[in-house]
C-alpha atoms as a PDB file:
ATOM      1  CA  MET A   1      -8.765  34.439  44.356  1.00  0.00           C
ATOM      2  CA  ARG A   2     -10.931  36.212  41.466  1.00  0.00           C
ATOM      3  CA  GLU A   3     -10.238  33.789  38.396  1.00  0.00           C
ATOM      4  CA  VAL A   4      -8.593  36.860  36.448  1.00  0.00           C
ATOM      5  CA  ALA A   5      -6.226  36.820  39.519  1.00  0.00           C
ATOM      6  CA  PHE A   6      -5.877  33.534  39.608  1.00  0.00           C
ATOM      7  CA  ILE A   7      -5.032  33.384  35.580  1.00  0.00           C
ATOM      8  CA  LYS A   8      -2.984  36.080  35.636  1.00  0.00           C
ATOM      9  CA  GLN A   9      -0.930  35.002  38.585  1.00  0.00           C
ATOM     10  CA  ASN A  10      -0.305  31.546  36.637  1.00  0.00           C
ATOM     11  CA  LYS A  11      -0.477  32.423  32.723  1.00  0.00           C
ATOM     12  CA  GLU A  12       3.692  32.832  32.695  1.00  0.00           C
ATOM     13  CA  LYS A  13       4.093  29.677  34.659  1.00  0.00           C
ATOM     14  CA  TRP A  14       1.276  27.636  32.286  1.00  0.00           C
ATOM     15  CA  LEU A  15       2.924  29.388  29.059  1.00  0.00           C
ATOM     16  CA  SER A  16       6.223  28.700  29.678  1.00  0.00           C
ATOM     17  CA  PHE A  17       5.457  24.698  30.470  1.00  0.00           C
ATOM     18  CA  GLU A  18       3.835  24.701  27.293  1.00  0.00           C
ATOM     19  CA  THR A  19       6.083  26.035  25.033  1.00  0.00           C
ATOM     20  CA  ALA A  20       8.671  24.048  27.250  1.00  0.00           C
ATOM     21  CA  ILE A  21       7.145  20.601  25.978  1.00  0.00           C
ATOM     22  CA  LEU A  22       6.303  21.724  22.610  1.00  0.00           C
ATOM     23  CA  ASN A  23      10.232  22.591  22.675  1.00  0.00           C
ATOM     24  CA  ASN A  24      11.251  19.395  24.462  1.00  0.00           C
ATOM     25  CA  ASP A  25      13.244  21.522  26.559  1.00  0.00           C
ATOM     26  CA  LEU A  26      12.338  19.529  29.516  1.00  0.00           C
ATOM     27  CA  ASN A  27      15.112  16.775  29.895  1.00  0.00           C
ATOM     28  CA  ASP A  28      14.943  16.650  33.396  1.00  0.00           C
ATOM     29  CA  PRO A  29      12.696  14.260  34.952  1.00  0.00           C
ATOM     30  CA  ASP A  30      12.796  15.647  38.294  1.00  0.00           C
ATOM     31  CA  GLU A  31      11.850  18.987  36.850  1.00  0.00           C
ATOM     32  CA  LEU A  32       9.157  17.822  34.577  1.00  0.00           C
ATOM     33  CA  ALA A  33       7.588  15.916  37.547  1.00  0.00           C
ATOM     34  CA  SER A  34       7.576  19.176  39.756  1.00  0.00           C
ATOM     35  CA  ASN A  35       6.388  21.189  36.813  1.00  0.00           C
ATOM     36  CA  TYR A  36       3.294  18.496  36.514  1.00  0.00           C
ATOM     37  CA  ILE A  37       2.510  18.900  39.965  1.00  0.00           C
ATOM     38  CA  GLN A  38       2.176  22.404  40.239  1.00  0.00           C
ATOM     39  CA  LEU A  39       0.037  21.905  36.945  1.00  0.00           C
ATOM     40  CA  VAL A  40      -2.157  19.464  38.607  1.00  0.00           C
ATOM     41  CA  ASN A  41      -2.967  21.327  41.696  1.00  0.00           C
ATOM     42  CA  ASP A  42      -3.676  24.408  39.429  1.00  0.00           C
ATOM     43  CA  LEU A  43      -6.005  22.097  37.611  1.00  0.00           C
ATOM     44  CA  ALA A  44      -7.941  21.088  40.961  1.00  0.00           C
ATOM     45  CA  TYR A  45      -7.803  24.952  42.159  1.00  0.00           C
ATOM     46  CA  ALA A  46      -9.747  25.807  38.740  1.00  0.00           C
ATOM     47  CA  GLN A  47     -12.236  22.920  38.971  1.00  0.00           C
ATOM     48  CA  THR A  48     -13.143  23.693  42.407  1.00  0.00           C
ATOM     49  CA  TYR A  49     -13.395  27.096  42.706  1.00  0.00           C
ATOM     50  CA  TYR A  50     -14.153  28.164  38.818  1.00  0.00           C
ATOM     51  CA  PRO A  51     -16.371  24.908  37.716  1.00  0.00           C
ATOM     52  CA  LYS A  52     -17.570  26.512  34.667  1.00  0.00           C
ATOM     53  CA  SER A  53     -14.386  28.237  33.523  1.00  0.00           C
ATOM     54  CA  LYS A  54     -12.429  27.710  29.842  1.00  0.00           C
ATOM     55  CA  VAL A  55      -8.825  27.513  31.999  1.00  0.00           C
ATOM     56  CA  ILE A  56     -10.397  23.984  33.066  1.00  0.00           C
ATOM     57  CA  THR A  57     -10.459  22.958  29.493  1.00  0.00           C
ATOM     58  CA  TYR A  58      -6.731  24.829  28.795  1.00  0.00           C
ATOM     59  CA  LEU A  59      -5.479  22.796  32.123  1.00  0.00           C
ATOM     60  CA  ASN A  60      -6.764  19.608  31.161  1.00  0.00           C
ATOM     61  CA  GLN A  61      -5.277  19.543  27.489  1.00  0.00           C
ATOM     62  CA  LEU A  62      -1.724  20.464  28.700  1.00  0.00           C
ATOM     63  CA  ALA A  63      -1.765  18.065  31.598  1.00  0.00           C
ATOM     64  CA  THR A  64      -2.752  15.764  29.218  1.00  0.00           C
ATOM     65  CA  LYS A  65       0.843  16.707  27.071  1.00  0.00           C
ATOM     66  CA  ALA A  66       2.801  16.610  30.037  1.00  0.00           C
ATOM     67  CA  PHE A  67       1.274  13.356  31.172  1.00  0.00           C
ATOM     68  CA  GLN A  68       2.131  12.076  27.739  1.00  0.00           C
ATOM     69  CA  LYS A  69       5.891  13.420  28.029  1.00  0.00           C
ATOM     70  CA  ILE A  70       6.009  12.240  31.700  1.00  0.00           C
ATOM     71  CA  TYR A  71       5.814   8.111  30.513  1.00  0.00           C
ATOM     72  CA  LYS A  72       8.038   9.607  27.204  1.00  0.00           C
ATOM     73  CA  THR A  73      10.686  10.263  29.318  1.00  0.00           C
ATOM     74  CA  LYS A  74      10.512   7.795  32.942  1.00  0.00           C
ATOM     75  CA  ARG A  75      12.806   4.937  32.990  1.00  0.00           C
ATOM     76  CA  GLN A  76       9.965   1.851  32.474  1.00  0.00           C
ATOM     77  CA  ASP A  77      10.333  -1.473  32.083  1.00  0.00           C
ATOM     78  CA  THR A  78       6.475  -1.483  29.794  1.00  0.00           C
ATOM     79  CA  ASN A  79       7.367  -1.987  26.579  1.00  0.00           C
ATOM     80  CA  ARG A  80       7.043   1.071  24.375  1.00  0.00           C
ATOM     81  CA  ILE A  81       4.494  -0.633  21.397  1.00  0.00           C
ATOM     82  CA  ILE A  82       2.215  -1.598  24.891  1.00  0.00           C
ATOM     83  CA  SER A  83       2.501   1.917  26.514  1.00  0.00           C
ATOM     84  CA  PHE A  84       1.441   3.698  23.211  1.00  0.00           C
ATOM     85  CA  TRP A  85      -1.833   1.473  22.491  1.00  0.00           C
ATOM     86  CA  LYS A  86      -2.336   2.100  26.368  1.00  0.00           C
ATOM     87  CA  THR A  87      -1.592   5.341  27.336  1.00  0.00           C
ATOM     88  CA  GLU A  88      -0.796   7.626  24.583  1.00  0.00           C
ATOM     89  CA  VAL A  89      -3.412   6.912  22.227  1.00  0.00           C
ATOM     90  CA  PRO A  90      -5.817   7.022  24.372  1.00  0.00           C
ATOM     91  CA  LEU A  91      -4.841  10.521  25.602  1.00  0.00           C
ATOM     92  CA  ILE A  92      -4.904  11.936  22.235  1.00  0.00           C
ATOM     93  CA  CYS A  93      -8.369  10.365  21.829  1.00  0.00           C
ATOM     94  CA  TYR A  94      -9.758  12.106  25.014  1.00  0.00           C
ATOM     95  CA  GLN A  95      -7.994  15.739  24.255  1.00  0.00           C
ATOM     96  CA  TYR A  96      -9.543  15.396  20.836  1.00  0.00           C
ATOM     97  CA  ARG A  97     -12.673  13.700  21.339  1.00  0.00           C
ATOM     98  CA  LYS A  98     -14.698  16.395  19.953  1.00  0.00           C
ATOM     99  CA  PHE A  99     -13.412  15.504  16.069  1.00  0.00           C
ATOM    100  CA  ILE A 100     -14.039  12.069  16.874  1.00  0.00           C
ATOM    101  CA  TYR A 101     -17.602  12.728  17.970  1.00  0.00           C
ATOM    102  CA  VAL A 102     -17.735  14.757  14.979  1.00  0.00           C
ATOM    103  CA  ALA A 103     -16.647  12.550  12.506  1.00  0.00           C
ATOM    104  CA  PHE A 104     -19.464  10.222  13.683  1.00  0.00           C
ATOM    105  CA  ILE A 105     -22.370  12.692  13.549  1.00  0.00           C
ATOM    106  CA  ILE A 106     -21.136  13.249   9.720  1.00  0.00           C
ATOM    107  CA  PHE A 107     -20.767   9.644   9.136  1.00  0.00           C
ATOM    108  CA  PHE A 108     -24.883   9.184  10.324  1.00  0.00           C
ATOM    109  CA  ALA A 109     -25.526  12.259   7.848  1.00  0.00           C
ATOM    110  CA  PHE A 110     -23.943  11.409   5.178  1.00  0.00           C
ATOM    111  CA  THR A 111     -25.184   7.576   5.608  1.00  0.00           C
ATOM    112  CA  PHE A 112     -28.342   8.891   6.021  1.00  0.00           C
ATOM    113  CA  ILE A 113     -28.104  11.359   3.038  1.00  0.00           C
ATOM    114  CA  GLY A 114     -26.931   7.777   1.164  1.00  0.00           C
ATOM    115  CA  ALA A 115     -30.322   5.725   2.064  1.00  0.00           C
ATOM    116  CA  ILE A 116     -32.835   8.647   1.109  1.00  0.00           C
ATOM    117  CA  SER A 117     -31.271   9.140  -2.035  1.00  0.00           C
ATOM    118  CA  ALA A 118     -31.711   5.315  -2.724  1.00  0.00           C
ATOM    119  CA  ALA A 119     -34.999   5.558  -1.533  1.00  0.00           C
ATOM    120  CA  ASN A 120     -36.207   8.691  -3.607  1.00  0.00           C
ATOM    121  CA  ASN A 121     -34.191   7.385  -6.935  1.00  0.00           C
ATOM    122  CA  ALA A 122     -34.456   3.493  -7.892  1.00  0.00           C
ATOM    123  CA  GLU A 123     -31.304   4.116 -10.247  1.00  0.00           C
ATOM    124  CA  PHE A 124     -29.231   5.839  -7.680  1.00  0.00           C
ATOM    125  CA  LEU A 125     -27.223   2.671  -6.394  1.00  0.00           C
ATOM    126  CA  ARG A 126     -25.880   1.726 -10.033  1.00  0.00           C
ATOM    127  CA  SER A 127     -24.765   5.165 -10.270  1.00  0.00           C
ATOM    128  CA  VAL A 128     -22.644   4.587  -7.159  1.00  0.00           C
ATOM    129  CA  VAL A 129     -21.756   1.330  -7.018  1.00  0.00           C
ATOM    130  CA  GLY A 130     -22.170   0.174 -11.259  1.00  0.00           C
ATOM    131  CA  ASP A 131     -24.672  -1.800 -12.934  1.00  0.00           C
ATOM    132  CA  SER A 132     -22.407  -5.318 -12.776  1.00  0.00           C
ATOM    133  CA  TYR A 133     -22.344  -4.609  -9.141  1.00  0.00           C
ATOM    134  CA  VAL A 134     -26.148  -4.257  -8.554  1.00  0.00           C
ATOM    135  CA  ASP A 135     -27.103  -7.238 -10.998  1.00  0.00           C
ATOM    136  CA  GLN A 136     -24.859  -9.433  -8.984  1.00  0.00           C
ATOM    137  CA  THR A 137     -25.745  -8.807  -5.726  1.00  0.00           C
ATOM    138  CA  ILE A 138     -29.756  -9.414  -7.379  1.00  0.00           C
ATOM    139  CA  GLU A 139     -28.505 -12.878  -8.753  1.00  0.00           C
ATOM    140  CA  ASN A 140     -27.272 -13.397  -4.977  1.00  0.00           C
ATOM    141  CA  ILE A 141     -30.434 -12.629  -3.154  1.00  0.00           C
ATOM    142  CA  GLU A 142     -32.354 -14.225  -5.859  1.00  0.00           C
ATOM    143  CA  ALA A 143     -30.348 -17.658  -4.933  1.00  0.00           C
ATOM    144  CA  GLY A 144     -31.096 -16.846  -1.247  1.00  0.00           C
ATOM    145  CA  ASP A 145     -27.284 -15.679  -0.181  1.00  0.00           C
ATOM    146  CA  PRO A 146     -27.975 -11.942  -0.154  1.00  0.00           C
ATOM    147  CA  VAL A 147     -24.135 -11.137   0.509  1.00  0.00           C
ATOM    148  CA  ALA A 148     -22.368 -13.797  -1.414  1.00  0.00           C
ATOM    149  CA  VAL A 149     -20.062 -10.856  -2.695  1.00  0.00           C
ATOM    150  CA  TYR A 150     -18.037 -11.748   0.340  1.00  0.00           C
ATOM    151  CA  LYS A 151     -17.675 -14.961  -0.027  1.00  0.00           C
ATOM    152  CA  SER A 152     -15.132 -15.601  -3.626  1.00  0.00           C
ATOM    153  CA  GLY A 153     -11.730 -16.159  -3.033  1.00  0.00           C
ATOM    154  CA  SER A 154     -10.255 -18.268  -0.851  1.00  0.00           C
ATOM    155  CA  ASN A 155     -10.033 -17.441   2.661  1.00  0.00           C
ATOM    156  CA  TRP A 156      -5.900 -15.917   2.928  1.00  0.00           C
ATOM    157  CA  GLY A 157      -6.784 -14.009  -0.381  1.00  0.00           C
ATOM    158  CA  SER A 158      -9.765 -12.588   0.613  1.00  0.00           C
ATOM    159  CA  PHE A 159      -8.117 -11.524   4.354  1.00  0.00           C
ATOM    160  CA  ILE A 160      -4.874 -10.002   2.565  1.00  0.00           C
ATOM    161  CA  GLY A 161      -7.046  -8.201  -0.337  1.00  0.00           C
ATOM    162  CA  ILE A 162      -9.064  -6.699   1.506  1.00  0.00           C
ATOM    163  CA  THR A 163      -7.292  -5.581   4.566  1.00  0.00           C
ATOM    164  CA  ILE A 164      -5.004  -3.696   1.806  1.00  0.00           C
ATOM    165  CA  ASN A 165      -7.649  -2.124   0.329  1.00  0.00           C
ATOM    166  CA  ASN A 166      -9.150  -1.261   3.817  1.00  0.00           C
ATOM    167  CA  LEU A 167      -5.976   0.163   5.060  1.00  0.00           C
ATOM    168  CA  ARG A 168      -5.219   1.960   1.789  1.00  0.00           C
ATOM    169  CA  VAL A 169      -8.673   4.037   2.328  1.00  0.00           C
ATOM    170  CA  GLY A 170      -7.555   4.764   5.714  1.00  0.00           C
ATOM    171  CA  ILE A 171      -4.889   6.232   4.876  1.00  0.00           C
ATOM    172  CA  ILE A 172      -6.025   7.865   2.527  1.00  0.00           C
ATOM    173  CA  ALA A 173      -8.871   9.631   4.403  1.00  0.00           C
ATOM    174  CA  PHE A 174      -6.208  11.220   6.603  1.00  0.00           C
ATOM    175  CA  VAL A 175      -3.631  12.617   4.220  1.00  0.00           C
ATOM    176  CA  PHE A 176      -6.643  13.831   1.812  1.00  0.00           C
ATOM    177  CA  GLY A 177      -6.859  15.780   5.850  1.00  0.00           C
ATOM    178  CA  VAL A 178      -4.169  18.155   4.230  1.00  0.00           C
ATOM    179  CA  PHE A 179      -6.577  19.785   1.879  1.00  0.00           C
ATOM    180  CA  LEU A 180      -7.910  21.768   4.736  1.00  0.00           C
ATOM    181  CA  GLY A 181     -10.231  18.921   6.182  1.00  0.00           C
ATOM    182  CA  ILE A 182     -12.349  18.869   2.288  1.00  0.00           C
ATOM    183  CA  GLY A 183     -10.482  15.598   1.233  1.00  0.00           C
ATOM    184  CA  THR A 184     -10.825  13.847   4.418  1.00  0.00           C
ATOM    185  CA  LEU A 185     -15.347  14.527   3.959  1.00  0.00           C
ATOM    186  CA  TYR A 186     -15.083  14.004   0.507  1.00  0.00           C
ATOM    187  CA  ILE A 187     -13.914  10.495   1.003  1.00  0.00           C
ATOM    188  CA  MET A 188     -16.373  10.069   3.909  1.00  0.00           C
ATOM    189  CA  PHE A 189     -19.031  10.994   2.029  1.00  0.00           C
ATOM    190  CA  LYS A 190     -17.938   8.676  -0.866  1.00  0.00           C
ATOM    191  CA  ASN A 191     -17.915   5.815   1.089  1.00  0.00           C
ATOM    192  CA  CYS A 192     -21.162   6.656   3.913  1.00  0.00           C
ATOM    193  CA  ILE A 193     -23.115   7.423   0.398  1.00  0.00           C
ATOM    194  CA  MET A 194     -22.460   4.013  -0.737  1.00  0.00           C
ATOM    195  CA  LEU A 195     -22.813   2.161   2.801  1.00  0.00           C
ATOM    196  CA  GLY A 196     -26.592   3.845   2.970  1.00  0.00           C
ATOM    197  CA  SER A 197     -27.937   3.531  -0.430  1.00  0.00           C
ATOM    198  CA  PHE A 198     -26.778  -0.075  -0.636  1.00  0.00           C
ATOM    199  CA  GLN A 199     -28.379  -1.228   3.133  1.00  0.00           C
ATOM    200  CA  TYR A 200     -31.479   0.408   1.660  1.00  0.00           C
ATOM    201  CA  PHE A 201     -31.370  -1.583  -1.433  1.00  0.00           C
ATOM    202  CA  PHE A 202     -31.427  -4.701   0.631  1.00  0.00           C
ATOM    203  CA  TYR A 203     -34.099  -2.781   2.948  1.00  0.00           C
ATOM    204  CA  GLU A 204     -36.262  -2.662  -0.427  1.00  0.00           C
ATOM    205  CA  LYS A 205     -35.433  -6.060  -1.347  1.00  0.00           C
ATOM    206  CA  GLN A 206     -36.492  -7.461   2.049  1.00  0.00           C
ATOM    207  CA  VAL A 207     -33.413  -8.762   3.219  1.00  0.00           C
ATOM    208  CA  PHE A 208     -31.938  -6.215   5.214  1.00  0.00           C
ATOM    209  CA  TRP A 209     -31.492  -8.301   7.956  1.00  0.00           C
ATOM    210  CA  GLU A 210     -29.394 -11.134   6.329  1.00  0.00           C
ATOM    211  CA  SER A 211     -27.530  -8.479   5.570  1.00  0.00           C
ATOM    212  CA  VAL A 212     -26.666  -7.033   8.507  1.00  0.00           C
ATOM    213  CA  ARG A 213     -25.680 -10.549   9.712  1.00  0.00           C
ATOM    214  CA  GLY A 214     -23.241 -10.665   7.068  1.00  0.00           C
ATOM    215  CA  ILE A 215     -21.820  -7.240   6.313  1.00  0.00           C
ATOM    216  CA  TRP A 216     -21.368  -6.490   9.578  1.00  0.00           C
ATOM    217  CA  ILE A 217     -19.702  -9.715  11.068  1.00  0.00           C
ATOM    218  CA  HIS A 218     -16.631  -7.272   9.900  1.00  0.00           C
ATOM    219  CA  GLY A 219     -17.988  -4.457   8.961  1.00  0.00           C
ATOM    220  CA  ALA A 220     -18.686  -3.441  13.023  1.00  0.00           C
ATOM    221  CA  MET A 221     -14.637  -2.588  13.258  1.00  0.00           C
ATOM    222  CA  GLU A 222     -13.964  -1.849   9.436  1.00  0.00           C
ATOM    223  CA  ILE A 223     -16.503   1.212   9.381  1.00  0.00           C
ATOM    224  CA  PHE A 224     -15.498   2.115  12.961  1.00  0.00           C
ATOM    225  CA  ALA A 225     -11.980   2.243  11.959  1.00  0.00           C
ATOM    226  CA  ILE A 226     -12.652   4.628   9.195  1.00  0.00           C
ATOM    227  CA  VAL A 227     -14.517   6.840  10.967  1.00  0.00           C
ATOM    228  CA  ILE A 228     -11.575   7.182  13.527  1.00  0.00           C
ATOM    229  CA  GLU A 229      -9.351   7.475  10.489  1.00  0.00           C
ATOM    230  CA  CYS A 230     -11.230  10.333   8.959  1.00  0.00           C
ATOM    231  CA  ALA A 231     -11.206  11.833  12.783  1.00  0.00           C
ATOM    232  CA  ALA A 232      -7.406  12.163  12.177  1.00  0.00           C
ATOM    233  CA  GLY A 233      -7.715  13.897   9.113  1.00  0.00           C
ATOM    234  CA  LEU A 234      -9.897  16.246  10.314  1.00  0.00           C
ATOM    235  CA  ILE A 235      -7.500  17.127  13.374  1.00  0.00           C
ATOM    236  CA  LEU A 236      -4.886  17.474  10.410  1.00  0.00           C
ATOM    237  CA  GLY A 237      -7.460  19.645   8.511  1.00  0.00           C
ATOM    238  CA  ALA A 238      -8.253  22.186  11.317  1.00  0.00           C
ATOM    239  CA  SER A 239      -4.228  21.856  12.335  1.00  0.00           C
ATOM    240  CA  ILE A 240      -4.106  24.056   9.128  1.00  0.00           C
ATOM    241  CA  LEU A 241      -7.242  26.083   9.448  1.00  0.00           C
ATOM    242  CA  PHE A 242      -6.591  27.021  13.320  1.00  0.00           C
ATOM    243  CA  PRO A 243      -2.950  27.057  14.373  1.00  0.00           C
ATOM    244  CA  SER A 244      -4.067  28.801  18.019  1.00  0.00           C
ATOM    245  CA  THR A 245      -1.415  30.207  19.768  1.00  0.00           C
ATOM    246  CA  HIS A 246       1.478  28.309  17.356  1.00  0.00           C
ATOM    247  CA  SER A 247       2.560  29.171  14.016  1.00  0.00           C
ATOM    248  CA  ARG A 248       0.562  27.537  11.257  1.00  0.00           C
ATOM    249  CA  TYR A 249       3.951  25.532   9.984  1.00  0.00           C
ATOM    250  CA  THR A 250       3.953  24.587  14.187  1.00  0.00           C
ATOM    251  CA  SER A 251       0.646  23.724  14.213  1.00  0.00           C
ATOM    252  CA  PHE A 252       0.727  21.749  10.691  1.00  0.00           C
ATOM    253  CA  LYS A 253       3.532  19.346  12.304  1.00  0.00           C
ATOM    254  CA  LEU A 254       1.742  18.687  15.245  1.00  0.00           C
ATOM    255  CA  GLY A 255      -1.747  18.152  13.802  1.00  0.00           C
ATOM    256  CA  ALA A 256       0.377  15.634  11.565  1.00  0.00           C
ATOM    257  CA  LYS A 257       1.448  13.820  14.329  1.00  0.00           C
ATOM    258  CA  THR A 258      -1.196  13.380  16.361  1.00  0.00           C
ATOM    259  CA  GLY A 259      -3.078  12.392  13.490  1.00  0.00           C
ATOM    260  CA  ILE A 260      -0.581   9.657  12.608  1.00  0.00           C
ATOM    261  CA  LYS A 261      -0.824   8.546  16.019  1.00  0.00           C
ATOM    262  CA  ILE A 262      -4.157   8.030  15.688  1.00  0.00           C
ATOM    263  CA  LEU A 263      -4.003   6.663  11.938  1.00  0.00           C
ATOM    264  CA  ILE A 264      -1.652   3.839  13.518  1.00  0.00           C
ATOM    265  CA  SER A 265      -3.884   2.840  16.343  1.00  0.00           C
ATOM    266  CA  THR A 266      -6.397   1.611  13.741  1.00  0.00           C
ATOM    267  CA  PHE A 267      -4.717  -0.596  11.895  1.00  0.00           C
ATOM    268  CA  PRO A 268      -4.906  -3.545  14.838  1.00  0.00           C
ATOM    269  CA  PHE A 269      -9.168  -3.440  14.574  1.00  0.00           C
ATOM    270  CA  THR A 270      -8.237  -3.184  10.279  1.00  0.00           C
ATOM    271  CA  PHE A 271      -6.435  -6.022  10.528  1.00  0.00           C
ATOM    272  CA  SER A 272      -8.889  -8.072  12.668  1.00  0.00           C
ATOM    273  CA  ALA A 273     -12.123  -6.811  10.416  1.00  0.00           C
ATOM    274  CA  GLY A 274     -10.015  -8.077   7.187  1.00  0.00           C
ATOM    275  CA  PHE A 275      -9.565 -11.782   9.028  1.00  0.00           C
ATOM    276  CA  LEU A 276     -13.120 -11.675   9.911  1.00  0.00           C
ATOM    277  CA  GLU A 277     -14.267 -11.275   6.822  1.00  0.00           C
ATOM    278  CA  GLY A 278     -11.891 -12.986   5.387  1.00  0.00           C
ATOM    279  CA  PHE A 279     -13.077 -16.177   7.651  1.00  0.00           C
ATOM    280  CA  ILE A 280     -15.379 -15.472   9.238  1.00  0.00           C
ATOM    281  CA  THR A 281     -18.122 -13.838   7.203  1.00  0.00           C
ATOM    282  CA  ARG A 282     -18.138 -16.290   4.430  1.00  0.00           C
ATOM    283  CA  TYR A 283     -20.330 -18.579   7.472  1.00  0.00           C
ATOM    284  CA  SER A 284     -22.650 -15.956   7.647  1.00  0.00           C
ATOM    285  CA  ASN A 285     -25.766 -17.252   6.377  1.00  0.00           C
ATOM    286  CA  ILE A 286     -25.317 -21.222   8.187  1.00  0.00           C
ATOM    287  CA  MET A 287     -24.387 -19.465  11.329  1.00  0.00           C
ATOM    288  CA  PRO A 288     -27.299 -19.569  13.890  1.00  0.00           C
ATOM    289  CA  ASN A 289     -28.580 -15.583  14.885  1.00  0.00           C
ATOM    290  CA  TRP A 290     -26.934 -15.791  18.140  1.00  0.00           C
ATOM    291  CA  LEU A 291     -23.546 -16.394  17.201  1.00  0.00           C
ATOM    292  CA  SER A 292     -23.862 -13.784  14.473  1.00  0.00           C
ATOM    293  CA  VAL A 293     -25.270 -11.058  16.163  1.00  0.00           C
ATOM    294  CA  GLY A 294     -23.189 -12.439  19.342  1.00  0.00           C
ATOM    295  CA  ILE A 295     -19.724 -11.201  16.556  1.00  0.00           C
ATOM    296  CA  ILE A 296     -21.382  -7.736  15.785  1.00  0.00           C
ATOM    297  CA  LEU A 297     -22.025  -6.828  19.313  1.00  0.00           C
ATOM    298  CA  ILE A 298     -18.478  -8.048  20.791  1.00  0.00           C
ATOM    299  CA  THR A 299     -16.231  -6.680  18.037  1.00  0.00           C
ATOM    300  CA  LEU A 300     -18.326  -3.103  18.116  1.00  0.00           C
ATOM    301  CA  SER A 301     -17.972  -3.454  22.000  1.00  0.00           C
ATOM    302  CA  ILE A 302     -14.577  -3.347  22.050  1.00  0.00           C
ATOM    303  CA  ILE A 303     -13.792  -0.666  19.492  1.00  0.00           C
ATOM    304  CA  SER A 304     -16.463   1.921  21.264  1.00  0.00           C
ATOM    305  CA  TYR A 305     -14.653   0.744  24.329  1.00  0.00           C
ATOM    306  CA  TYR A 306     -10.856   1.742  23.306  1.00  0.00           C
ATOM    307  CA  TYR A 307     -11.767   4.983  21.040  1.00  0.00           C
ATOM    308  CA  LEU A 308     -14.878   6.584  23.366  1.00  0.00           C
ATOM    309  CA  ILE A 309     -14.781   5.196  27.174  1.00  0.00           C
ATOM    310  CA  TYR A 310     -11.287   3.845  28.071  1.00  0.00           C
ATOM    311  CA  PRO A 311      -9.749   7.647  27.296  1.00  0.00           C
ATOM    312  CA  TYR A 312     -11.986   8.858  29.796  1.00  0.00           C
ATOM    313  CA  LYS A 313     -10.750   6.259  32.211  1.00  0.00           C
ATOM    314  CA  VAL A 314      -7.109   7.193  31.416  1.00  0.00           C
ATOM    315  CA  GLN A 315      -7.836  10.607  31.424  1.00  0.00           C
ATOM    316  CA  LYS A 316      -9.321  10.252  35.216  1.00  0.00           C
ATOM    317  CA  GLN A 317      -6.119   8.888  35.860  1.00  0.00           C
ATOM    318  CA  ILE A 318      -3.817  12.297  35.477  1.00  0.00           C
ATOM    319  CA  THR A 319      -6.300  13.988  37.737  1.00  0.00           C
ATOM    320  CA  GLN A 320      -6.403  11.305  40.741  1.00  0.00           C
ATOM    321  CA  ILE A 321      -2.058  10.171  40.710  1.00  0.00           C
ATOM    322  CA  PRO A 322      -0.560  13.620  40.730  1.00  0.00           C
ATOM    323  CA  VAL A 323       2.954  12.191  39.267  1.00  0.00           C
ATOM    324  CA  PRO A 324       3.890   9.156  37.923  1.00  0.00           C
ATOM    325  CA  ASN A 325       7.551   7.275  39.464  1.00  0.00           C
ATOM    326  CA  VAL A 326      10.187   9.372  36.849  1.00  0.00           C
ATOM    327  CA  THR A 327      13.141   8.779  39.390  1.00  0.00           C
END
């Protein structure tokens, strides 16, 4: 069958199913399962005979939405909270993976700009973080502990204060996405410029490795989570700018709902980063290299796996398993 004929033959069925999912009209598990099986069969057919067609992307997205609906509809013993992080969020991350990739590209670009700016202007860092912070850091470097700023205060006090601040930054980065994504980009720019210029400052003072050992023990999860939260903000902004086949208001509601789920998914990582900064980072200067590097690699691997690799594995289940048991 020619691709045009295939699309013409099934277009009305796909649009009807998409509308039903969007409006939450499929409350019959048997009907949902039946429609899902047909959809997966159409997806498999398209992948076989039209491997480069855009219809595959559309059917993939529709199958993801249907799969999420099934997991909400079926009666299961699995805790709802567990299924949220185990299935729902990874599927959302797969569906909106391009936003995550774009967020990381922007993150690296802004951070690079910060480093280059600091390299070409000795006073740039002071204009970003203030004189007192820079002077304090210089004193810490001269005292032999470049990241001593992370070791002030009590363990619990640091943990609570840092975690609350990081949660605030993440929420603001997402909410500011309502300004067509520009607000999110501003928050990202501000934080990346600070990160890039500060890391160059340590490099210039010849204590770059010491700073990496200290900052990135907690920073691996903290910074990664902020990038994901910015991706959620970009999704919110894009839902307003590009409503596709939906009304702008409906698209905004979908974008907000999706973004909030991604935002919430980062909270455990933000808490973990706060715990590491409050209880572990302060001992970085007395840790052996293998331990500090090990913590950095392990934490970075965990969060990277969850947002960049695991979503592909969950998505793969959709095409391999026709439908979960919904009866």
